[in-house]
Amino acid sequence: MDILTDQDVQKYRDEGYLVLDGLLSPEECDALRDRMSEIIERMDVPEHCRTQFSTDHDEQLKTQGNADYFITSGDKIRFFFEKGVFDDKGEFIVPREQSLNKIGHALHAYEPLFKAVTHSPKIQNLVKKLGLINPVILQSMYIFKQPRIGGEVSPHQDATFLYTQPLGRVMGVWIALEDAALENGSLWFIPGSHNDGITRRMVRTPKGTFPLTDFIGREKNYDDKLFVPAPVKKGGAVLIHSEVVHHSAANTSDASRHVYTFHVMES
């Protein structure tokens, strides 16, 4: 069955994003969240994440450790923490499950439940309907947006980080495992902004240099008034064109905003 109507497809093409209700059932959402709780219970926290540094040199090594951990996470399941969740002995000062910013980037490859959702007939139908011929999964993430400490994600285009030639062959599928409302950090978009190309591109720096990545170009300053909110209920999804400008606000509420998201590319 087609989840997308022709109007949906047109709206996605015109605006660069689309809110879809009911992609997953509440039960499917709960199963993914329960599995994530088990992963967190058993997680091994890497040393460089725990270390509280004293000197600039140490700070740089930590930054390098973090950067390397991030860059090499494409085919692994790794943990990324919010700031200030460890004390100077490297122990948690908040409950483990509230310490995480996200987990990435290969849940779709190694976690059966996440794999099943990512490769489901529903998703396959959906991307085919949007014109992808040989879709492949690039990366996946579980994002927590913790209560009161889930920081804002500033305006950006996914194509800055997931660059293709020609541009725009990448789409994000962003699934709300809990209601994503204005209070707990829903997404905001500039409709139609996917037609203007990208202003900034992340590149790898030459081997042996630090930092490991750099940017060509700069992110533009966008007028706040151009952004439109895209709240979505638990089980709903937002489809995100890789060139559309979007951001999410900080979570100032007492409710988390768990999301499972992955990127699909035309191979």
Protein backbone atom coordinates (compact mmCIF):
# COMPACT_ATOMS: atom_id res chain seq x y z
CA MET A 1 0.00 0.00 0.00
CA ASP A 2 1.15 3.55 -0.72
CA ILE A 3 1.66 5.66 2.36
CA LEU A 4 2.28 8.74 0.23
CA THR A 5 -0.37 10.40 -1.90
CA ASP A 6 0.55 12.32 -5.04
CA GLN A 7 -0.19 15.52 -3.09
CA ASP A 8 2.30 14.43 -0.42
CA VAL A 9 4.98 13.91 -3.07
CA GLN A 10 4.24 17.34 -4.55
CA LYS A 11 4.36 18.99 -1.13
CA TYR A 12 7.73 17.37 -0.41
CA ARG A 13 9.07 18.60 -3.76
CA ASP A 14 7.71 22.13 -3.24
CA GLU A 15 8.63 22.64 0.41
CA GLY A 16 11.60 20.31 0.95
CA TYR A 17 10.00 18.42 3.81
CA LEU A 18 6.85 16.49 4.68
CA VAL A 19 5.18 15.53 7.97
CA LEU A 20 3.66 12.03 7.83
CA ASP A 21 1.35 10.75 10.56
CA GLY A 22 1.33 7.17 11.77
CA LEU A 23 4.38 5.71 10.03
CA LEU A 24 4.94 3.47 13.07
CA SER A 25 2.41 2.18 15.58
CA PRO A 26 2.77 3.22 19.25
CA GLU A 27 3.81 -0.38 19.98
CA GLU A 28 6.61 -0.25 17.40
CA CYS A 29 7.82 3.02 18.94
CA ASP A 30 7.82 1.49 22.43
CA ALA A 31 9.74 -1.57 21.22
CA LEU A 32 12.51 0.65 19.79
CA ARG A 33 12.65 2.67 23.01
CA ASP A 34 12.79 -0.48 25.16
CA ARG A 35 15.61 -1.88 23.05
CA MET A 36 17.48 1.41 23.41
CA SER A 37 17.12 1.20 27.21
CA GLU A 38 18.80 -2.21 27.11
CA ILE A 39 21.64 -0.85 24.96
CA ILE A 40 22.19 1.99 27.46
CA GLU A 41 22.16 -0.43 30.41
CA ARG A 42 25.03 -2.32 28.82
CA MET A 43 26.96 0.53 27.25
CA ASP A 44 30.68 0.75 27.71
CA VAL A 45 31.63 4.40 28.15
CA PRO A 46 34.90 5.18 26.35
CA GLU A 47 37.67 6.67 28.48
CA HIS A 48 38.03 9.91 26.49
CA CYS A 49 34.35 10.69 27.10
CA ARG A 50 34.77 10.41 30.87
CA THR A 51 38.05 12.25 31.31
CA GLN A 52 37.96 15.67 32.92
CA PHE A 53 40.93 17.57 31.51
CA SER A 54 43.26 20.03 33.12
CA THR A 55 45.55 21.52 30.46
CA ASP A 56 45.06 22.87 26.95
CA HIS A 57 47.17 20.06 25.59
CA ASP A 58 44.93 17.50 27.32
CA GLU A 59 41.85 19.33 26.13
CA GLN A 60 43.12 19.07 22.60
CA LEU A 61 43.76 15.35 22.98
CA LYS A 62 40.24 14.92 24.29
CA THR A 63 38.82 16.87 21.37
CA GLN A 64 40.88 14.73 19.05
CA GLY A 65 39.68 11.56 20.78
CA ASN A 66 36.08 12.69 20.42
CA ALA A 67 36.55 13.71 16.79
CA ASP A 68 38.17 10.42 15.90
CA TYR A 69 35.46 8.50 17.76
CA PHE A 70 32.85 10.41 15.74
CA ILE A 71 34.54 10.16 12.34
CA THR A 72 35.05 6.40 12.63
CA SER A 73 31.50 5.70 13.88
CA GLY A 74 29.95 5.07 10.45
CA ASP A 75 29.93 1.30 10.83
CA LYS A 76 29.64 1.07 14.62
CA ILE A 77 27.26 1.85 17.46
CA ARG A 78 28.74 4.64 19.54
CA PHE A 79 27.67 6.94 22.36
CA PHE A 80 27.69 10.74 22.35
CA PHE A 81 27.06 12.53 25.64
CA GLU A 82 25.60 15.85 26.71
CA LYS A 83 28.04 18.31 28.33
CA GLY A 84 28.56 18.12 32.07
CA VAL A 85 27.19 14.63 32.74
CA PHE A 86 30.43 13.29 34.32
CA ASP A 87 32.20 14.47 37.48
CA ASP A 88 35.97 14.95 37.59
CA LYS A 89 36.43 11.26 38.40
CA GLY A 90 34.53 10.31 35.25
CA GLU A 91 31.44 9.10 37.12
CA PHE A 92 27.89 9.92 36.00
CA ILE A 93 26.27 12.81 37.84
CA VAL A 94 22.96 12.23 36.08
CA PRO A 95 21.17 8.91 35.44
CA ARG A 96 22.85 7.07 32.55
CA GLU A 97 19.75 7.23 30.37
CA GLN A 98 19.64 11.02 30.76
CA SER A 99 23.32 11.52 29.92
CA LEU A 100 23.17 10.86 26.19
CA ASN A 101 22.81 13.29 23.32
CA LYS A 102 22.66 10.57 20.66
CA ILE A 103 23.77 7.11 19.65
CA GLY A 104 25.02 6.50 16.10
CA HIS A 105 25.67 5.78 13.32
CA ALA A 106 25.02 2.15 12.32
CA LEU A 107 21.99 1.04 14.36
CA HIS A 108 20.34 0.13 11.05
CA ALA A 109 23.10 -2.41 10.35
CA TYR A 110 23.63 -4.08 13.74
CA GLU A 111 20.42 -3.78 15.73
CA PRO A 112 17.72 -6.15 14.41
CA LEU A 113 14.74 -4.04 15.52
CA PHE A 114 16.16 -0.84 14.07
CA LYS A 115 17.22 -2.72 10.94
CA ALA A 116 13.69 -4.08 10.47
CA VAL A 117 12.14 -0.60 10.66
CA THR A 118 14.77 0.97 8.39
CA HIS A 119 14.41 -1.65 5.67
CA SER A 120 10.66 -2.22 6.05
CA PRO A 121 8.38 -2.46 2.98
CA LYS A 122 6.72 0.76 4.21
CA ILE A 123 9.97 2.70 3.97
CA GLN A 124 10.89 1.06 0.67
CA ASN A 125 7.53 2.06 -0.84
CA LEU A 126 7.90 5.56 0.46
CA VAL A 127 11.36 6.21 -1.00
CA LYS A 128 10.42 4.61 -4.33
CA LYS A 129 7.36 6.86 -4.51
CA LEU A 130 9.72 9.83 -4.08
CA GLY A 131 11.69 8.66 -7.10
CA LEU A 132 14.71 6.92 -5.55
CA ILE A 133 15.70 4.03 -7.80
CA ASN A 134 18.47 2.27 -5.87
CA PRO A 135 18.19 3.61 -2.32
CA VAL A 136 20.92 2.80 0.21
CA ILE A 137 21.08 3.67 3.91
CA LEU A 138 23.92 6.04 4.79
CA GLN A 139 23.73 6.34 8.55
CA SER A 140 21.30 6.16 11.44
CA MET A 141 21.02 7.81 14.85
CA TYR A 142 18.93 7.67 17.98
CA ILE A 143 18.52 11.21 19.34
CA PHE A 144 17.37 11.76 22.92
CA LYS A 145 16.78 15.51 23.28
CA GLN A 146 16.89 15.15 27.06
CA PRO A 147 14.43 17.02 29.30
CA ARG A 148 15.70 20.52 30.20
CA ILE A 149 19.24 19.87 28.87
CA GLY A 150 18.57 18.84 25.27
CA GLY A 151 20.33 21.67 23.44
CA GLU A 152 19.18 23.43 20.30
CA VAL A 153 20.45 22.29 16.92
CA SER A 154 21.28 25.40 14.93
CA PRO A 155 20.00 26.00 11.37
CA HIS A 156 21.73 23.71 8.86
CA GLN A 157 21.33 21.66 5.69
CA ASP A 158 22.05 17.93 5.84
CA ALA A 159 23.82 18.17 2.46
CA THR A 160 26.56 20.17 4.21
CA PHE A 161 27.55 16.89 5.90
CA LEU A 162 26.16 14.34 3.42
CA TYR A 163 27.38 15.80 0.16
CA THR A 164 26.52 14.23 -3.20
CA GLN A 165 27.03 15.11 -6.84
CA PRO A 166 24.53 16.00 -8.10
CA LEU A 167 23.23 17.55 -4.90
CA GLY A 168 19.99 16.56 -3.22
CA ARG A 169 20.18 12.79 -3.70
CA VAL A 170 19.83 12.29 0.06
CA MET A 171 16.73 12.28 2.23
CA GLY A 172 16.39 12.13 6.01
CA VAL A 173 13.64 10.02 7.61
CA TRP A 174 13.05 11.39 11.11
CA ILE A 175 10.71 9.21 13.20
CA ALA A 176 9.21 10.54 16.44
CA LEU A 177 9.23 7.80 19.10
CA GLU A 178 7.52 10.30 21.44
CA ASP A 179 5.45 13.37 20.60
CA ALA A 180 7.72 16.11 19.21
CA ALA A 181 5.98 19.35 20.19
CA LEU A 182 7.04 22.99 20.29
CA GLU A 183 7.89 22.70 24.00
CA ASN A 184 10.29 19.77 23.74
CA GLY A 185 12.20 20.71 20.62
CA SER A 186 10.27 19.97 17.43
CA LEU A 187 11.86 20.64 14.06
CA TRP A 188 11.46 23.98 12.23
CA PHE A 189 11.91 24.45 8.47
CA ILE A 190 12.24 27.21 5.88
CA PRO A 191 9.82 25.88 3.22
CA GLY A 192 11.31 25.94 -0.28
CA SER A 193 14.87 26.57 0.95
CA HIS A 194 16.02 23.31 -0.70
CA ASN A 195 16.04 25.10 -4.05
CA ASP A 196 18.93 27.44 -3.25
CA GLY A 197 21.90 25.05 -3.16
CA ILE A 198 24.20 24.76 -0.13
CA THR A 199 26.31 27.47 1.43
CA ARG A 200 28.66 25.26 3.40
CA ARG A 201 30.31 21.89 2.92
CA MET A 202 32.14 19.74 5.46
CA VAL A 203 35.38 18.20 4.18
CA ARG A 204 38.03 15.88 5.59
CA THR A 205 41.34 17.63 6.25
CA PRO A 206 44.64 16.11 5.01
CA LYS A 207 45.78 12.99 6.87
CA GLY A 208 47.73 13.74 10.04
CA THR A 209 46.23 17.20 10.59
CA PHE A 210 43.83 18.30 13.28
CA PRO A 211 40.94 19.07 13.36
CA LEU A 212 39.89 16.10 11.23
CA THR A 213 37.23 18.07 9.39
CA ASP A 214 36.80 21.61 8.16
CA PHE A 215 34.16 23.62 6.29
CA ILE A 216 34.24 25.23 2.87
CA GLY A 217 31.92 28.23 2.87
CA ARG A 218 29.83 29.56 5.73
CA GLU A 219 26.37 28.93 7.12
CA LYS A 220 24.11 31.87 6.26
CA ASN A 221 22.30 33.84 8.92
CA TYR A 222 18.64 33.01 8.52
CA ASP A 223 15.73 35.21 9.55
CA ASP A 224 13.85 33.51 12.42
CA LYS A 225 10.56 34.61 10.90
CA LEU A 226 11.09 32.33 7.89
CA PHE A 227 10.98 29.15 9.97
CA VAL A 228 7.77 27.12 10.25
CA PRO A 229 7.37 24.51 13.02
CA ALA A 230 6.75 20.84 12.15
CA PRO A 231 5.38 19.20 15.30
CA VAL A 232 4.67 15.49 14.93
CA LYS A 233 2.91 12.92 17.09
CA LYS A 234 4.51 9.70 18.37
CA GLY A 235 4.87 7.29 15.45
CA GLY A 236 4.78 10.07 12.88
CA ALA A 237 7.76 10.97 10.71
CA VAL A 238 9.26 13.96 8.96
CA LEU A 239 10.88 13.46 5.55
CA ILE A 240 13.74 15.93 5.11
CA HIS A 241 15.28 16.91 1.76
CA SER A 242 19.04 17.15 2.22
CA GLU A 243 19.14 20.80 1.12
CA VAL A 244 16.23 22.18 3.15
CA VAL A 245 17.27 24.55 5.98
CA HIS A 246 16.04 23.32 9.38
CA HIS A 247 16.76 23.51 13.08
CA SER A 248 15.34 22.37 16.39
CA ALA A 249 14.93 24.45 19.52
CA ALA A 250 16.29 23.53 22.94
CA ASN A 251 14.15 21.26 25.07
CA THR A 252 12.97 23.38 28.00
CA SER A 253 10.23 20.94 29.04
CA ASP A 254 10.19 17.97 31.42
CA ALA A 255 9.53 15.55 28.56
CA SER A 256 12.23 13.91 26.44
CA ARG A 257 11.91 13.83 22.65
CA HIS A 258 13.27 10.50 21.46
CA VAL A 259 13.76 10.14 17.73
CA TYR A 260 15.08 7.46 15.42
CA THR A 261 16.45 8.97 12.23
CA PHE A 262 18.33 7.67 9.21
CA HIS A 263 19.45 8.97 5.82
CA VAL A 264 18.67 7.34 2.49
CA MET A 265 20.78 8.05 -0.62
CA GLU A 266 20.26 7.36 -4.29
CA SER A 267 23.14 5.07 -5.13
